[in-house]
N, C-alpha and C. Protein backbone atom coordinates (compact mmCIF):
# COMPACT_ATOMS: atom_id res chain seq x y z
N MET A 1 9.59 37.63 19.82
CA MET A 1 10.08 37.52 18.54
C MET A 1 10.67 36.17 18.62
N ARG A 2 10.29 35.32 17.28
CA ARG A 2 11.05 34.06 17.32
C ARG A 2 11.57 33.95 15.68
N ILE A 3 12.63 33.06 15.52
CA ILE A 3 13.17 32.88 14.36
C ILE A 3 13.03 31.48 14.19
N ARG A 4 12.41 30.76 13.09
CA ARG A 4 12.00 29.54 12.61
C ARG A 4 13.17 29.09 11.73
N ILE A 5 13.60 27.97 12.28
CA ILE A 5 14.86 27.51 11.21
C ILE A 5 14.44 26.16 10.79
N ARG A 6 14.79 26.05 9.36
CA ARG A 6 14.90 24.64 9.01
C ARG A 6 16.29 23.91 8.64
N PHE A 7 16.44 22.91 9.08
CA PHE A 7 17.53 22.10 9.06
C PHE A 7 17.44 20.94 8.70
N SER A 8 18.96 20.23 8.05
CA SER A 8 18.94 18.85 7.79
C SER A 8 19.73 18.09 8.66
N LYS A 9 19.39 17.06 9.01
CA LYS A 9 20.48 16.07 9.83
C LYS A 9 20.66 14.95 8.97
N ASN A 10 21.71 14.59 8.74
CA ASN A 10 22.03 13.23 7.92
C ASN A 10 23.41 12.70 8.33
N GLY A 11 23.89 11.95 7.38
CA GLY A 11 25.23 11.00 7.92
C GLY A 11 25.05 10.23 9.26
N ASP A 12 26.26 10.27 10.04
CA ASP A 12 26.68 9.77 11.26
C ASP A 12 25.52 10.26 12.33
N LEU A 13 25.07 11.76 11.96
CA LEU A 13 24.30 12.34 13.00
C LEU A 13 22.82 11.33 13.22
N ARG A 14 22.70 10.41 12.29
CA ARG A 14 21.17 9.89 12.59
C ARG A 14 21.04 9.05 13.52
N PHE A 15 22.61 8.69 13.98
CA PHE A 15 22.61 7.55 15.13
C PHE A 15 22.81 8.33 16.46
N ILE A 16 22.37 9.56 16.58
CA ILE A 16 22.45 10.36 17.76
C ILE A 16 20.76 10.97 18.37
N GLY A 17 20.55 10.53 19.52
CA GLY A 17 19.24 10.98 19.94
C GLY A 17 18.77 12.37 19.69
N HIS A 18 17.71 12.65 20.31
CA HIS A 18 16.83 14.18 20.54
C HIS A 18 17.75 15.01 21.16
N ARG A 19 18.02 14.15 22.47
CA ARG A 19 18.63 15.12 23.58
C ARG A 19 20.07 15.38 23.28
N ASP A 20 20.76 14.34 22.37
CA ASP A 20 22.09 14.77 22.13
C ASP A 20 22.12 16.00 21.13
N LEU A 21 20.98 15.95 20.16
CA LEU A 21 21.10 16.84 19.21
C LEU A 21 20.87 18.27 19.65
N MET A 22 19.96 18.37 20.72
CA MET A 22 19.69 19.60 21.33
C MET A 22 21.21 19.89 22.10
N GLU A 23 21.58 19.29 22.53
CA GLU A 23 22.94 19.62 23.44
C GLU A 23 24.11 20.46 22.20
N ALA A 24 23.91 19.62 21.12
CA ALA A 24 24.75 20.27 19.90
C ALA A 24 24.26 21.36 19.53
N PHE A 25 23.10 21.37 19.20
CA PHE A 25 22.47 23.06 18.82
C PHE A 25 22.89 24.01 19.80
N HIS A 26 22.72 23.73 21.13
CA HIS A 26 23.01 24.94 22.11
C HIS A 26 24.31 25.05 21.95
N ARG A 27 25.41 24.30 22.00
CA ARG A 27 26.94 24.50 21.66
C ARG A 27 26.86 25.15 20.34
N ILE A 28 26.40 25.01 19.38
CA ILE A 28 26.45 25.90 18.23
C ILE A 28 25.77 27.58 18.30
N LEU A 29 25.03 27.50 19.17
CA LEU A 29 24.29 28.80 19.42
C LEU A 29 25.24 29.53 20.07
N ARG A 30 26.10 28.86 21.10
CA ARG A 30 27.23 29.45 22.09
C ARG A 30 28.24 29.91 21.11
N ARG A 31 28.83 29.31 20.26
CA ARG A 31 30.15 29.36 19.45
C ARG A 31 29.55 30.38 18.56
N ALA A 32 28.22 30.58 17.83
CA ALA A 32 27.91 31.52 17.07
C ALA A 32 27.63 33.03 17.86
N GLU A 33 27.49 33.09 18.99
CA GLU A 33 27.24 34.13 20.18
C GLU A 33 25.46 34.59 19.75
N ILE A 34 24.80 33.74 19.57
CA ILE A 34 23.31 34.00 19.24
C ILE A 34 22.76 33.52 20.50
N ARG A 35 22.18 34.73 21.33
CA ARG A 35 21.56 34.30 22.50
C ARG A 35 20.03 34.39 22.66
N PRO A 36 19.45 33.29 22.92
CA PRO A 36 18.24 33.25 22.87
C PRO A 36 17.35 33.75 24.04
N ALA A 37 16.46 33.84 24.25
CA ALA A 37 15.49 34.26 25.68
C ALA A 37 15.65 32.96 26.59
N TYR A 38 15.80 33.53 28.04
CA TYR A 38 15.71 32.12 28.67
C TYR A 38 14.05 32.39 29.55
N SER A 39 13.88 30.97 29.94
CA SER A 39 12.97 30.75 30.84
C SER A 39 13.17 31.35 32.23
N GLN A 40 12.13 31.67 33.20
CA GLN A 40 12.07 32.09 34.54
C GLN A 40 12.47 31.20 35.11
N GLY A 41 12.80 31.11 36.76
CA GLY A 41 12.66 30.41 37.74
C GLY A 41 14.24 29.85 38.11
N PHE A 42 14.29 28.92 39.06
CA PHE A 42 15.74 28.43 39.26
C PHE A 42 16.76 28.00 38.57
N HIS A 43 16.13 27.19 37.46
CA HIS A 43 16.81 26.71 36.47
C HIS A 43 16.50 27.35 35.24
N PRO A 44 16.97 28.39 34.98
CA PRO A 44 16.31 29.09 33.22
C PRO A 44 16.88 28.39 32.37
N LYS A 45 16.16 27.82 31.18
CA LYS A 45 16.86 27.15 30.17
C LYS A 45 16.55 28.25 28.98
N PRO A 46 17.30 27.97 28.00
CA PRO A 46 17.16 28.67 26.44
C PRO A 46 15.77 28.42 25.72
N LYS A 47 15.00 29.46 25.46
CA LYS A 47 13.69 28.98 24.87
C LYS A 47 13.91 28.58 23.27
N VAL A 48 14.63 27.25 23.18
CA VAL A 48 14.81 26.98 22.01
C VAL A 48 13.57 25.34 21.77
N SER A 49 13.06 25.63 20.96
CA SER A 49 11.91 24.41 20.49
C SER A 49 12.01 23.41 19.36
N PHE A 50 12.15 22.29 19.25
CA PHE A 50 11.95 21.65 18.33
C PHE A 50 10.39 20.81 18.46
N PRO A 51 9.26 21.37 17.64
CA PRO A 51 8.11 20.99 17.63
C PRO A 51 7.88 19.43 17.53
N VAL A 52 8.78 18.67 16.94
CA VAL A 52 8.66 17.35 17.04
C VAL A 52 10.39 16.52 16.90
N ALA A 53 10.45 15.45 17.66
CA ALA A 53 11.67 14.90 17.40
C ALA A 53 11.70 14.08 16.36
N LEU A 54 12.96 13.58 15.74
CA LEU A 54 13.25 13.12 14.56
C LEU A 54 13.59 11.59 15.27
N PRO A 55 13.15 10.49 14.66
CA PRO A 55 13.05 9.21 15.51
C PRO A 55 14.64 8.74 15.25
N LEU A 56 15.42 8.15 15.83
CA LEU A 56 16.60 7.51 15.74
C LEU A 56 16.86 6.67 14.40
N ASN A 57 17.96 6.93 14.16
CA ASN A 57 18.64 6.35 12.93
C ASN A 57 17.78 6.95 11.58
N VAL A 58 17.16 7.87 11.81
CA VAL A 58 16.39 8.36 10.65
C VAL A 58 16.89 9.85 10.16
N VAL A 59 17.17 10.02 8.68
CA VAL A 59 17.70 11.00 8.34
C VAL A 59 16.65 12.15 8.13
N GLY A 60 16.68 13.41 8.49
CA GLY A 60 15.88 14.21 8.71
C GLY A 60 16.41 15.63 7.39
N GLU A 61 15.77 15.66 6.23
CA GLU A 61 15.94 16.71 5.29
C GLU A 61 15.61 18.09 5.37
N ASN A 62 14.40 18.19 6.26
CA ASN A 62 13.83 19.55 6.33
C ASN A 62 13.15 19.40 7.63
N GLU A 63 13.90 19.57 8.71
CA GLU A 63 13.33 19.71 9.99
C GLU A 63 13.23 21.23 10.73
N LEU A 64 12.80 21.18 11.79
CA LEU A 64 12.00 22.81 11.86
C LEU A 64 12.65 22.66 13.91
N LEU A 65 13.08 23.92 14.09
CA LEU A 65 12.98 24.38 15.18
C LEU A 65 12.85 25.95 15.25
N GLU A 66 12.50 26.30 16.44
CA GLU A 66 12.41 28.05 16.77
C GLU A 66 13.41 28.56 17.91
N ILE A 67 13.65 29.54 17.45
CA ILE A 67 14.53 29.94 18.51
C ILE A 67 13.76 31.60 19.34
N GLU A 68 13.58 31.32 20.30
CA GLU A 68 12.61 32.81 20.91
C GLU A 68 13.93 33.93 21.32
N LEU A 69 13.81 34.96 20.71
CA LEU A 69 14.79 36.02 20.98
C LEU A 69 14.14 36.88 22.08
N PRO A 70 15.50 37.52 22.83
CA PRO A 70 14.94 38.55 24.05
C PRO A 70 14.66 39.84 23.41
N GLU A 71 14.10 40.85 24.06
CA GLU A 71 13.43 41.91 23.25
C GLU A 71 14.59 42.25 22.86
N ALA A 72 15.75 42.90 23.47
CA ALA A 72 16.78 43.35 22.88
C ALA A 72 17.22 42.92 21.38
N GLN A 73 17.03 42.21 21.19
CA GLN A 73 17.47 41.45 19.75
C GLN A 73 16.18 41.02 18.95
N GLU A 74 15.00 41.79 19.09
CA GLU A 74 14.14 41.40 18.35
C GLU A 74 14.14 42.15 16.81
N ASP A 75 15.38 42.89 16.49
CA ASP A 75 15.70 43.48 15.41
C ASP A 75 16.44 42.56 14.47
N ALA A 76 16.79 41.16 15.11
CA ALA A 76 17.68 40.39 14.61
C ALA A 76 17.67 40.46 13.09
N ASP A 77 18.56 40.11 12.21
CA ASP A 77 18.39 39.95 11.16
C ASP A 77 18.49 38.41 10.55
N PRO A 78 17.51 37.50 10.31
CA PRO A 78 17.21 36.20 10.11
C PRO A 78 18.52 35.57 9.00
N ASP A 79 18.71 36.41 8.10
CA ASP A 79 20.20 36.18 6.88
C ASP A 79 21.21 36.01 7.91
N GLN A 80 21.62 36.94 8.87
CA GLN A 80 22.86 37.10 9.68
C GLN A 80 22.85 35.87 10.57
N VAL A 81 21.75 35.41 11.23
CA VAL A 81 21.64 34.27 12.07
C VAL A 81 21.63 33.05 11.29
N LEU A 82 21.27 33.08 9.99
CA LEU A 82 21.61 31.91 9.52
C LEU A 82 23.00 31.48 8.94
N ALA A 83 23.78 32.92 8.54
CA ALA A 83 25.01 32.65 8.30
C ALA A 83 25.86 32.26 9.57
N LEU A 84 25.44 32.77 10.79
CA LEU A 84 26.20 32.39 12.12
C LEU A 84 26.15 30.71 12.24
N LEU A 85 25.07 30.39 11.99
CA LEU A 85 24.63 28.80 12.13
C LEU A 85 25.61 27.99 11.52
N ARG A 86 25.53 28.65 10.15
CA ARG A 86 26.31 27.69 9.21
C ARG A 86 27.79 27.63 9.49
N LYS A 87 28.02 28.84 9.81
CA LYS A 87 29.40 28.88 10.03
C LYS A 87 30.30 28.09 11.17
N HIS A 88 29.46 28.36 12.35
CA HIS A 88 29.84 27.36 13.40
C HIS A 88 29.08 25.98 13.62
N THR A 89 28.59 25.40 12.64
CA THR A 89 27.81 24.17 12.90
C THR A 89 28.68 23.10 12.84
N ILE A 90 28.25 21.86 12.98
CA ILE A 90 29.06 20.29 13.06
C ILE A 90 28.88 19.80 11.83
N PRO A 91 29.96 18.75 11.36
CA PRO A 91 29.58 17.89 10.25
C PRO A 91 28.13 17.07 10.16
N ALA A 92 27.35 17.17 9.24
CA ALA A 92 26.21 16.57 8.69
C ALA A 92 24.86 17.28 9.49
N LEU A 93 25.22 18.56 10.13
CA LEU A 93 24.03 19.14 10.45
C LEU A 93 23.97 20.69 9.61
N ASP A 94 22.94 20.55 8.58
CA ASP A 94 23.26 21.68 7.82
C ASP A 94 21.72 22.35 8.22
N PHE A 95 22.09 23.88 8.04
CA PHE A 95 21.16 24.84 8.20
C PHE A 95 20.60 25.54 7.05
N LEU A 96 19.51 25.29 6.73
CA LEU A 96 18.74 25.69 5.33
C LEU A 96 18.01 26.78 5.19
N SER A 97 17.55 27.53 6.24
CA SER A 97 16.76 28.73 5.92
C SER A 97 16.61 29.24 7.22
N ALA A 98 16.26 30.54 7.29
CA ALA A 98 15.74 30.99 8.82
C ALA A 98 14.76 32.33 8.20
N GLU A 99 13.68 32.13 9.30
CA GLU A 99 12.32 33.18 9.00
C GLU A 99 12.27 33.67 10.30
N LEU A 100 11.89 35.28 10.34
CA LEU A 100 11.72 35.85 11.72
C LEU A 100 9.94 35.76 11.74
N ILE A 101 9.64 35.29 12.72
CA ILE A 101 8.21 35.41 13.13
C ILE A 101 7.69 36.39 14.13
N PRO A 102 6.81 37.26 13.44
CA PRO A 102 6.49 38.43 14.41
C PRO A 102 5.98 37.71 16.03
N THR A 103 6.11 38.50 16.82
CA THR A 103 5.44 38.53 18.16
C THR A 103 3.98 38.46 18.01
N GLY A 104 3.21 37.67 18.60
CA GLY A 104 1.92 37.26 18.69
C GLY A 104 1.28 35.90 17.82
N VAL A 105 2.37 35.68 16.61
CA VAL A 105 2.26 34.59 15.93
C VAL A 105 2.43 33.28 16.63
N LYS A 106 1.47 32.40 16.53
CA LYS A 106 1.67 31.07 17.46
C LYS A 106 2.73 30.22 16.86
N LYS A 107 3.08 29.53 17.62
CA LYS A 107 4.33 28.53 17.39
C LYS A 107 3.70 27.60 16.45
N ALA A 108 4.89 27.11 15.49
CA ALA A 108 4.46 26.21 14.47
C ALA A 108 3.69 25.08 14.72
N VAL A 109 2.66 24.55 14.06
CA VAL A 109 1.88 23.26 14.45
C VAL A 109 2.25 22.28 13.50
N VAL A 110 2.65 21.53 13.80
CA VAL A 110 2.99 20.15 12.76
C VAL A 110 1.87 19.30 12.43
N GLN A 111 1.49 19.41 11.16
CA GLN A 111 0.32 18.60 10.18
C GLN A 111 0.67 17.38 10.07
N ALA A 112 1.86 17.16 9.07
CA ALA A 112 2.11 15.92 8.64
C ALA A 112 3.69 16.00 8.53
N PHE A 113 4.12 14.60 8.09
CA PHE A 113 5.72 14.26 7.55
C PHE A 113 5.26 13.39 6.55
N THR A 114 6.63 13.82 5.59
CA THR A 114 6.68 12.97 4.58
C THR A 114 7.91 12.01 4.87
N TYR A 115 8.09 10.54 4.47
CA TYR A 115 8.93 9.71 4.81
C TYR A 115 9.39 8.79 3.46
N ALA A 116 10.68 8.63 3.14
CA ALA A 116 11.17 8.02 1.89
C ALA A 116 12.02 6.80 2.35
N ILE A 117 12.07 5.82 1.59
CA ILE A 117 13.19 4.82 1.65
C ILE A 117 13.00 4.06 0.29
N SER A 118 14.61 3.42 -0.01
CA SER A 118 14.65 2.75 -1.34
C SER A 118 14.50 1.58 -1.14
N ILE A 119 13.62 0.86 -2.08
CA ILE A 119 13.32 -0.38 -2.01
C ILE A 119 14.03 -1.31 -3.37
N PRO A 120 14.61 -2.13 -2.71
CA PRO A 120 15.78 -2.91 -3.65
C PRO A 120 14.56 -3.61 -4.75
N ALA A 121 15.27 -3.85 -5.99
CA ALA A 121 14.53 -4.14 -6.90
C ALA A 121 14.07 -5.46 -6.95
N GLU A 122 14.58 -6.40 -6.42
CA GLU A 122 13.80 -7.67 -6.03
C GLU A 122 12.66 -7.53 -5.08
N ARG A 123 12.50 -6.72 -4.58
CA ARG A 123 11.39 -6.63 -3.51
C ARG A 123 10.29 -5.52 -4.02
N ARG A 124 10.27 -5.08 -5.10
CA ARG A 124 9.68 -4.20 -5.65
C ARG A 124 8.07 -4.69 -5.96
N GLU A 125 7.92 -5.88 -6.94
CA GLU A 125 6.83 -6.22 -7.21
C GLU A 125 5.97 -6.45 -5.90
N ASN A 126 6.79 -7.09 -4.99
CA ASN A 126 5.51 -7.43 -3.65
C ASN A 126 5.30 -6.24 -3.04
N THR A 127 6.02 -5.19 -2.86
CA THR A 127 5.64 -3.96 -2.26
C THR A 127 4.68 -3.17 -3.28
N ILE A 128 4.73 -3.22 -4.54
CA ILE A 128 3.51 -2.76 -5.03
C ILE A 128 2.50 -3.18 -4.83
N ARG A 129 2.10 -4.78 -4.74
CA ARG A 129 0.99 -5.36 -4.29
C ARG A 129 0.58 -5.24 -2.85
N ARG A 130 1.60 -4.85 -2.17
CA ARG A 130 1.07 -4.43 -0.74
C ARG A 130 0.62 -3.03 -0.59
N ILE A 131 1.21 -1.95 -1.26
CA ILE A 131 0.62 -0.91 -1.73
C ILE A 131 -0.55 -0.67 -2.17
N GLU A 132 -0.89 -1.67 -3.25
CA GLU A 132 -2.43 -1.58 -3.82
C GLU A 132 -3.51 -1.75 -2.80
N TRP A 133 -3.07 -2.89 -1.99
CA TRP A 133 -3.91 -3.66 -1.14
C TRP A 133 -4.18 -2.73 -0.07
N VAL A 134 -3.01 -1.96 0.63
CA VAL A 134 -3.28 -0.94 1.56
C VAL A 134 -4.20 0.31 0.80
N ASN A 135 -3.85 0.79 -0.31
CA ASN A 135 -4.76 1.84 -0.68
C ASN A 135 -6.49 1.51 -0.79
N ALA A 136 -6.31 0.27 -1.11
CA ALA A 136 -7.89 -0.29 -1.47
C ALA A 136 -8.55 -0.43 -0.15
N GLN A 137 -7.87 -0.22 1.20
CA GLN A 137 -8.76 -0.46 2.08
C GLN A 137 -9.02 0.84 2.77
N SER A 138 -10.45 0.75 3.59
CA SER A 138 -11.03 1.77 4.18
C SER A 138 -10.44 1.79 5.62
N SER A 139 -10.06 0.70 6.17
CA SER A 139 -9.42 0.84 7.28
C SER A 139 -8.46 -0.62 7.70
N ILE A 140 -7.38 -0.51 8.45
CA ILE A 140 -6.57 -1.72 8.46
C ILE A 140 -6.28 -1.83 10.26
N PRO A 141 -6.86 -2.73 10.78
CA PRO A 141 -6.38 -2.93 12.20
C PRO A 141 -5.04 -3.47 12.16
N PHE A 142 -4.19 -2.70 13.10
CA PHE A 142 -2.90 -3.08 13.06
C PHE A 142 -2.15 -3.03 14.75
N GLU A 143 -1.48 -3.78 15.07
CA GLU A 143 -0.93 -3.72 16.40
C GLU A 143 0.47 -2.91 15.96
N ARG A 144 0.67 -1.62 16.68
CA ARG A 144 1.92 -1.38 16.48
C ARG A 144 2.88 -1.58 17.02
N ILE A 145 4.11 -1.27 16.54
CA ILE A 145 5.58 -1.88 16.90
C ILE A 145 5.77 -1.14 18.25
N GLY A 146 5.97 -2.09 19.45
CA GLY A 146 6.58 -1.78 20.47
C GLY A 146 4.98 -1.09 21.49
N HIS A 147 3.56 -1.46 20.70
CA HIS A 147 2.68 -1.22 21.48
C HIS A 147 1.81 -2.35 21.72
N ASP A 148 0.93 -2.36 22.83
CA ASP A 148 0.22 -3.47 23.07
C ASP A 148 -1.27 -3.06 22.94
N LYS A 149 -1.67 -2.37 21.75
CA LYS A 149 -2.91 -2.27 21.32
C LYS A 149 -2.92 -2.24 19.81
N VAL A 150 -4.28 -2.55 19.38
CA VAL A 150 -4.60 -2.30 17.86
C VAL A 150 -5.21 -0.99 17.84
N VAL A 151 -4.64 -0.78 16.33
CA VAL A 151 -4.99 0.64 15.83
C VAL A 151 -5.47 0.68 14.64
N ASP A 152 -6.10 1.51 14.11
CA ASP A 152 -6.51 1.64 12.39
C ASP A 152 -5.27 2.50 11.86
N ILE A 153 -4.30 1.81 11.22
CA ILE A 153 -3.29 2.27 11.05
C ILE A 153 -3.65 3.28 9.69
N LYS A 154 -4.65 3.08 8.95
CA LYS A 154 -5.04 3.65 7.65
C LYS A 154 -5.38 5.26 8.23
N SER A 155 -5.97 5.43 9.28
CA SER A 155 -6.41 6.56 9.76
C SER A 155 -5.06 7.49 9.95
N GLY A 156 -4.23 7.29 10.17
CA GLY A 156 -2.83 8.03 10.14
C GLY A 156 -2.06 8.33 8.90
N LEU A 157 -2.58 7.36 7.77
CA LEU A 157 -1.83 7.33 6.58
C LEU A 157 -2.45 8.16 5.53
N ILE A 158 -1.84 9.27 4.96
CA ILE A 158 -2.32 10.21 4.10
C ILE A 158 -2.18 9.63 2.51
N SER A 159 -0.94 9.38 2.30
CA SER A 159 -0.55 9.11 0.91
C SER A 159 0.50 7.90 0.93
N LEU A 160 0.61 6.92 -0.15
CA LEU A 160 1.30 5.89 0.03
C LEU A 160 1.74 5.56 -1.64
N SER A 161 3.30 5.78 -2.03
CA SER A 161 3.31 5.41 -3.48
C SER A 161 4.97 4.82 -3.66
N LEU A 162 5.11 4.15 -4.71
CA LEU A 162 6.64 3.76 -5.03
C LEU A 162 6.77 4.34 -6.54
N SER A 163 7.82 5.03 -6.54
CA SER A 163 8.39 5.33 -7.73
C SER A 163 8.99 4.62 -8.39
N GLU A 164 9.19 5.14 -10.01
CA GLU A 164 9.95 3.78 -10.81
C GLU A 164 11.18 3.74 -10.45
N ASP A 165 12.02 4.54 -9.95
CA ASP A 165 13.43 4.57 -9.07
C ASP A 165 13.41 3.49 -8.21
N GLY A 166 12.16 3.06 -7.56
CA GLY A 166 12.13 2.20 -6.25
C GLY A 166 12.03 2.88 -5.14
N THR A 167 11.49 4.25 -5.16
CA THR A 167 11.72 4.92 -3.77
C THR A 167 10.48 4.93 -3.11
N LEU A 168 10.11 4.46 -2.21
CA LEU A 168 8.80 4.32 -1.34
C LEU A 168 8.67 5.56 -0.62
N GLN A 169 7.67 6.25 -0.82
CA GLN A 169 7.21 7.65 -0.39
C GLN A 169 5.83 7.53 0.46
N PHE A 170 5.90 7.97 1.57
CA PHE A 170 4.36 7.95 2.18
C PHE A 170 4.52 9.37 3.07
N GLN A 171 3.22 9.71 3.42
CA GLN A 171 2.71 10.96 4.09
C GLN A 171 2.07 10.33 5.40
N LEU A 172 2.54 10.74 6.62
CA LEU A 172 1.57 10.47 7.83
C LEU A 172 1.07 11.83 8.47
N ARG A 173 -0.27 11.43 9.12
CA ARG A 173 -0.63 12.69 9.85
C ARG A 173 -0.02 12.76 11.15
N SER A 174 0.19 14.26 11.55
CA SER A 174 0.66 14.34 13.03
C SER A 174 -0.50 14.15 13.92
N MET A 175 -0.16 14.40 15.27
CA MET A 175 -1.12 14.27 16.25
C MET A 175 -1.80 13.10 16.18
N ASN A 176 -1.30 12.06 15.64
CA ASN A 176 -2.14 10.98 15.32
C ASN A 176 -1.15 9.59 15.87
N ASN A 177 -1.87 8.92 16.85
CA ASN A 177 -1.00 7.65 17.28
C ASN A 177 -1.57 6.63 16.64
N ALA A 178 -2.06 6.59 15.36
CA ALA A 178 -2.26 5.45 14.65
C ALA A 178 -1.04 4.59 14.20
N CYS A 179 -0.19 5.58 13.74
CA CYS A 179 1.02 4.89 12.96
C CYS A 179 2.34 5.62 13.16
N GLY A 180 3.48 4.88 13.00
CA GLY A 180 4.93 5.73 12.71
C GLY A 180 5.08 5.20 11.40
N PRO A 181 6.43 5.58 10.85
CA PRO A 181 6.90 5.35 9.72
C PRO A 181 7.31 3.81 9.80
N ARG A 182 7.85 3.16 10.77
CA ARG A 182 8.16 1.79 10.65
C ARG A 182 6.79 0.87 10.88
N ASP A 183 6.01 1.32 11.35
CA ASP A 183 4.80 0.75 11.33
C ASP A 183 4.47 0.48 9.94
N ILE A 184 4.50 1.37 8.86
CA ILE A 184 4.22 1.41 7.26
C ILE A 184 5.13 0.38 6.71
N LEU A 185 6.51 0.45 7.37
CA LEU A 185 7.41 -0.31 6.65
C LEU A 185 6.93 -2.04 6.77
N ALA A 186 6.55 -2.10 8.14
CA ALA A 186 6.24 -3.47 8.70
C ALA A 186 4.76 -3.94 8.02
N LEU A 187 3.93 -2.95 7.55
CA LEU A 187 2.93 -3.06 7.21
C LEU A 187 3.12 -3.85 5.51
N LEU A 188 4.06 -3.19 4.86
CA LEU A 188 4.61 -3.45 3.28
C LEU A 188 5.30 -4.59 3.34
N GLU A 189 5.50 -5.36 4.40
CA GLU A 189 6.78 -6.54 4.59
C GLU A 189 8.05 -5.98 4.10
N VAL A 190 8.48 -4.71 4.53
CA VAL A 190 9.69 -4.47 4.22
C VAL A 190 10.51 -3.94 5.46
N GLY A 191 10.04 -4.39 6.71
CA GLY A 191 10.33 -3.57 7.76
C GLY A 191 11.76 -4.24 8.34
N ASP A 192 12.51 -4.78 7.46
CA ASP A 192 13.84 -5.23 7.65
C ASP A 192 14.88 -4.66 6.68
N LEU A 193 14.51 -3.64 6.23
CA LEU A 193 15.39 -3.03 5.06
C LEU A 193 16.44 -2.23 5.90
N GLU A 194 16.06 -1.45 6.91
CA GLU A 194 17.02 -0.90 7.57
C GLU A 194 18.33 -1.86 8.06
N THR A 195 17.98 -2.61 8.47
CA THR A 195 19.03 -3.77 9.16
C THR A 195 19.75 -4.56 7.78
N HIS A 196 19.38 -3.98 6.56
CA HIS A 196 20.27 -4.53 5.37
C HIS A 196 20.96 -3.26 4.86
N GLY A 197 20.81 -1.97 5.15
CA GLY A 197 21.49 -0.87 5.00
C GLY A 197 20.61 0.09 4.33
N SER A 198 19.59 -0.04 4.07
CA SER A 198 18.69 1.04 3.50
C SER A 198 18.31 2.29 4.72
N VAL A 199 18.17 3.42 4.33
CA VAL A 199 18.03 4.53 5.15
C VAL A 199 16.89 5.28 5.04
N LEU A 200 16.39 5.38 6.16
CA LEU A 200 14.73 5.56 6.11
C LEU A 200 15.06 7.38 6.20
N VAL A 201 14.24 8.21 5.44
CA VAL A 201 14.76 9.56 5.44
C VAL A 201 13.10 10.35 5.48
N ARG A 202 13.27 11.17 6.57
CA ARG A 202 12.18 12.02 6.92
C ARG A 202 12.21 13.31 5.79
N LYS A 203 11.66 13.38 4.63
CA LYS A 203 11.88 14.52 3.59
C LYS A 203 11.31 15.66 4.05
N ASN A 204 10.19 15.66 5.00
CA ASN A 204 9.65 17.26 5.29
C ASN A 204 8.69 17.03 6.38
N VAL A 205 8.52 18.03 7.13
CA VAL A 205 7.86 18.39 8.46
C VAL A 205 6.91 19.40 7.82
N HIS A 206 5.61 19.07 7.67
CA HIS A 206 4.54 20.02 7.34
C HIS A 206 4.18 20.59 8.49
N ILE A 207 3.93 21.91 8.29
CA ILE A 207 3.36 22.96 9.34
C ILE A 207 1.98 23.37 8.77
N GLY A 208 1.22 23.81 9.67
CA GLY A 208 -0.02 24.57 9.31
C GLY A 208 -0.04 26.09 10.11
């Protein structure tokens, strides 16, 4: 039996890495006296899984984790678990929902991610032109940031738009090495926004 948790990570917590986030969550579990199942072997570890890590310096508004419970706790109330997590959490880490997943149901498979970032008014006109160009292409060869190979960035991009209030929003496929969120920003010539105070937000982790 597992409990699927949705949570948000914001504020200064966006500056901590995935390993530090896992350690913080394990401390919260201990304070809340929630005891997950443990792996076998000489160095047993709690069976707590994050299907996908949140990139550093990115706010996560609807992230995902799963806790596997021992047999003795398979009648756990997810609402009670959620209340305990909320009581013992740390600033900027908010628990949104908890769902009991029956034994035999496969772990969550991430299908896509939705990201957003605010575009300054003086740069929106050029961003709109770049979006129109990207959406008109069937493929876009692109050298990924930090990689030494050229990929078709369009194959990983599901949707791309700019709202009237200047919010750039795009959806990327998971299980695809064609592009990451910062590759999209670079493609749109706004890759410097984060260094000028704009915050990249992962709005949702979509599962199938």
